[in-house]
Amino acid sequence: MRSFYSIIYFSTIALLCNACATAVGTSANSNIKIITQNQAAECKYLGDTHGVSPFYGIFAAPALESARAAALNKAVEMGGDALIWKANETGYGSTSIHADVYKCQ
């Protein structure tokens, strides 16, 4: 019986460590600048983007980082080089973030 509980314990630890893993920025999205509304006046607005992570609750912090990475990747796909973060939402079932994408160079 003790062996069974050991297996359950270590399996749970492995699952929790895996759930905390987040997407990291790539070299493509690391060139995106976070700007202010005043700085955006000199840039071309390309549209809005969002990122979503399926995690929430006690995993809200890593979920927000994952959602940010997804939004940054979409901004690169849109041809943007700058963005302004908007609202983030951590509700039941997911975490999401929104941003306005700009081309400043």
C-alpha atoms as a PDB file:
ATOM      1  CA  MET A   1       0.000   0.000   0.000  1.00  0.00           C
ATOM      2  CA  ARG A   2       2.872   2.349   0.785  1.00  0.00           C
ATOM      3  CA  SER A   3       4.215   1.839  -2.755  1.00  0.00           C
ATOM      4  CA  PHE A   4       0.849   2.852  -4.206  1.00  0.00           C
ATOM      5  CA  TYR A   5       0.865   6.143  -2.284  1.00  0.00           C
ATOM      6  CA  SER A   6       4.447   6.820  -3.364  1.00  0.00           C
ATOM      7  CA  ILE A   7       3.453   6.411  -7.002  1.00  0.00           C
ATOM      8  CA  ILE A   8       0.465   8.737  -6.548  1.00  0.00           C
ATOM      9  CA  TYR A   9       2.618  11.307  -4.728  1.00  0.00           C
ATOM     10  CA  PHE A  10       5.380  11.422  -7.342  1.00  0.00           C
ATOM     11  CA  SER A  11       2.887  11.395 -10.212  1.00  0.00           C
ATOM     12  CA  THR A  12       1.106  14.390  -8.705  1.00  0.00           C
ATOM     13  CA  ILE A  13       4.398  16.261  -8.270  1.00  0.00           C
ATOM     14  CA  ALA A  14       5.335  15.536 -11.901  1.00  0.00           C
ATOM     15  CA  LEU A  15       1.949  16.771 -13.151  1.00  0.00           C
ATOM     16  CA  LEU A  16       2.154  19.961 -11.102  1.00  0.00           C
ATOM     17  CA  CYS A  17       5.656  20.725 -12.387  1.00  0.00           C
ATOM     18  CA  ASN A  18       4.493  20.160 -15.942  1.00  0.00           C
ATOM     19  CA  ALA A  19       1.489  22.451 -15.440  1.00  0.00           C
ATOM     20  CA  CYS A  20       3.776  25.275 -14.327  1.00  0.00           C
ATOM     21  CA  ALA A  21       5.751  25.197 -17.560  1.00  0.00           C
ATOM     22  CA  THR A  22       5.143  28.248 -19.742  1.00  0.00           C
ATOM     23  CA  ALA A  23       5.957  29.289 -23.250  1.00  0.00           C
ATOM     24  CA  VAL A  24       9.073  31.401 -23.405  1.00  0.00           C
ATOM     25  CA  GLY A  25       9.702  34.272 -25.751  1.00  0.00           C
ATOM     26  CA  THR A  26      11.396  33.571 -29.032  1.00  0.00           C
ATOM     27  CA  SER A  27      13.969  35.762 -30.682  1.00  0.00           C
ATOM     28  CA  ALA A  28      11.246  36.980 -33.070  1.00  0.00           C
ATOM     29  CA  ASN A  29       8.910  38.285 -30.373  1.00  0.00           C
ATOM     30  CA  SER A  30      11.714  39.596 -28.168  1.00  0.00           C
ATOM     31  CA  ASN A  31      12.056  42.501 -30.633  1.00  0.00           C
ATOM     32  CA  ILE A  32       8.571  43.744 -29.730  1.00  0.00           C
ATOM     33  CA  LYS A  33       8.654  46.916 -27.613  1.00  0.00           C
ATOM     34  CA  ILE A  34       6.056  47.717 -24.980  1.00  0.00           C
ATOM     35  CA  ILE A  35       5.041  51.342 -25.566  1.00  0.00           C
ATOM     36  CA  THR A  36       2.762  53.944 -24.023  1.00  0.00           C
ATOM     37  CA  GLN A  37      -0.244  55.600 -25.611  1.00  0.00           C
ATOM     38  CA  ASN A  38       1.817  58.772 -26.203  1.00  0.00           C
ATOM     39  CA  GLN A  39       4.506  56.816 -28.050  1.00  0.00           C
ATOM     40  CA  ALA A  40       1.833  55.105 -30.158  1.00  0.00           C
ATOM     41  CA  ALA A  41       0.837  58.463 -31.668  1.00  0.00           C
ATOM     42  CA  GLU A  42       3.929  58.233 -33.888  1.00  0.00           C
ATOM     43  CA  CYS A  43       3.187  54.664 -34.985  1.00  0.00           C
ATOM     44  CA  LYS A  44       0.805  52.915 -37.370  1.00  0.00           C
ATOM     45  CA  TYR A  45      -1.974  50.946 -35.671  1.00  0.00           C
ATOM     46  CA  LEU A  46      -2.177  47.386 -37.056  1.00  0.00           C
ATOM     47  CA  GLY A  47      -4.991  45.960 -34.965  1.00  0.00           C
ATOM     48  CA  ASP A  48      -5.583  44.129 -31.743  1.00  0.00           C
ATOM     49  CA  THR A  49      -4.362  40.743 -30.631  1.00  0.00           C
ATOM     50  CA  HIS A  50      -4.929  38.412 -27.735  1.00  0.00           C
ATOM     51  CA  GLY A  51      -3.356  35.387 -26.144  1.00  0.00           C
ATOM     52  CA  VAL A  52      -5.086  32.636 -24.199  1.00  0.00           C
ATOM     53  CA  SER A  53      -3.829  29.989 -21.789  1.00  0.00           C
ATOM     54  CA  PRO A  54      -5.999  27.119 -20.520  1.00  0.00           C
ATOM     55  CA  PHE A  55      -4.665  27.525 -16.970  1.00  0.00           C
ATOM     56  CA  TYR A  56      -6.097  29.724 -14.196  1.00  0.00           C
ATOM     57  CA  GLY A  57      -6.434  29.832 -10.412  1.00  0.00           C
ATOM     58  CA  ILE A  58      -3.225  28.851  -8.629  1.00  0.00           C
ATOM     59  CA  PHE A  59      -1.534  28.722 -12.046  1.00  0.00           C
ATOM     60  CA  ALA A  60      -2.576  32.290 -12.933  1.00  0.00           C
ATOM     61  CA  ALA A  61       0.958  33.732 -13.017  1.00  0.00           C
ATOM     62  CA  PRO A  62       2.454  31.159 -15.409  1.00  0.00           C
ATOM     63  CA  ALA A  63      -0.799  31.195 -17.391  1.00  0.00           C
ATOM     64  CA  LEU A  64      -0.528  34.960 -17.850  1.00  0.00           C
ATOM     65  CA  GLU A  65       3.056  34.609 -19.092  1.00  0.00           C
ATOM     66  CA  SER A  66       1.935  31.943 -21.559  1.00  0.00           C
ATOM     67  CA  ALA A  67      -0.931  34.140 -22.780  1.00  0.00           C
ATOM     68  CA  ARG A  68       1.481  37.086 -23.170  1.00  0.00           C
ATOM     69  CA  ALA A  69       3.857  34.943 -25.232  1.00  0.00           C
ATOM     70  CA  ALA A  70       0.968  33.901 -27.494  1.00  0.00           C
ATOM     71  CA  ALA A  71      -0.081  37.546 -27.956  1.00  0.00           C
ATOM     72  CA  LEU A  72       3.506  38.566 -28.729  1.00  0.00           C
ATOM     73  CA  ASN A  73       3.782  35.829 -31.350  1.00  0.00           C
ATOM     74  CA  LYS A  74       0.547  37.007 -32.987  1.00  0.00           C
ATOM     75  CA  ALA A  75       1.850  40.595 -32.975  1.00  0.00           C
ATOM     76  CA  VAL A  76       4.935  39.433 -34.889  1.00  0.00           C
ATOM     77  CA  GLU A  77       2.704  37.605 -37.387  1.00  0.00           C
ATOM     78  CA  MET A  78       0.789  40.863 -37.910  1.00  0.00           C
ATOM     79  CA  GLY A  79       4.036  42.678 -38.729  1.00  0.00           C
ATOM     80  CA  GLY A  80       4.108  44.700 -35.528  1.00  0.00           C
ATOM     81  CA  ASP A  81       7.151  45.836 -33.619  1.00  0.00           C
ATOM     82  CA  ALA A  82       5.409  47.461 -30.638  1.00  0.00           C
ATOM     83  CA  LEU A  83       2.318  46.946 -28.514  1.00  0.00           C
ATOM     84  CA  ILE A  84       0.309  48.321 -25.648  1.00  0.00           C
ATOM     85  CA  TRP A  85      -1.011  45.777 -23.156  1.00  0.00           C
ATOM     86  CA  LYS A  86      -4.720  46.077 -22.440  1.00  0.00           C
ATOM     87  CA  ALA A  87      -6.897  44.137 -20.019  1.00  0.00           C
ATOM     88  CA  ASN A  88      -6.072  40.657 -18.856  1.00  0.00           C
ATOM     89  CA  GLU A  89      -8.726  38.254 -17.627  1.00  0.00           C
ATOM     90  CA  THR A  90      -8.248  35.320 -15.314  1.00  0.00           C
ATOM     91  CA  GLY A  91     -11.572  33.579 -15.107  1.00  0.00           C
ATOM     92  CA  TYR A  92     -12.819  30.082 -14.651  1.00  0.00           C
ATOM     93  CA  GLY A  93     -11.388  27.951 -17.423  1.00  0.00           C
ATOM     94  CA  SER A  94      -8.670  30.187 -18.886  1.00  0.00           C
ATOM     95  CA  THR A  95      -6.446  33.236 -18.676  1.00  0.00           C
ATOM     96  CA  SER A  96      -6.317  35.769 -21.506  1.00  0.00           C
ATOM     97  CA  ILE A  97      -4.685  39.085 -22.332  1.00  0.00           C
ATOM     98  CA  HIS A  98      -5.367  41.704 -24.993  1.00  0.00           C
ATOM     99  CA  ALA A  99      -3.049  44.193 -26.685  1.00  0.00           C
ATOM    100  CA  ASP A 100      -3.016  46.812 -29.449  1.00  0.00           C
ATOM    101  CA  VAL A 101      -0.326  46.172 -32.077  1.00  0.00           C
ATOM    102  CA  TYR A 102       1.662  48.948 -33.775  1.00  0.00           C
ATOM    103  CA  LYS A 103       4.348  49.340 -36.435  1.00  0.00           C
ATOM    104  CA  CYS A 104       6.738  52.072 -35.311  1.00  0.00           C
ATOM    105  CA  GLN A 105       9.798  51.579 -37.519  1.00  0.00           C
END
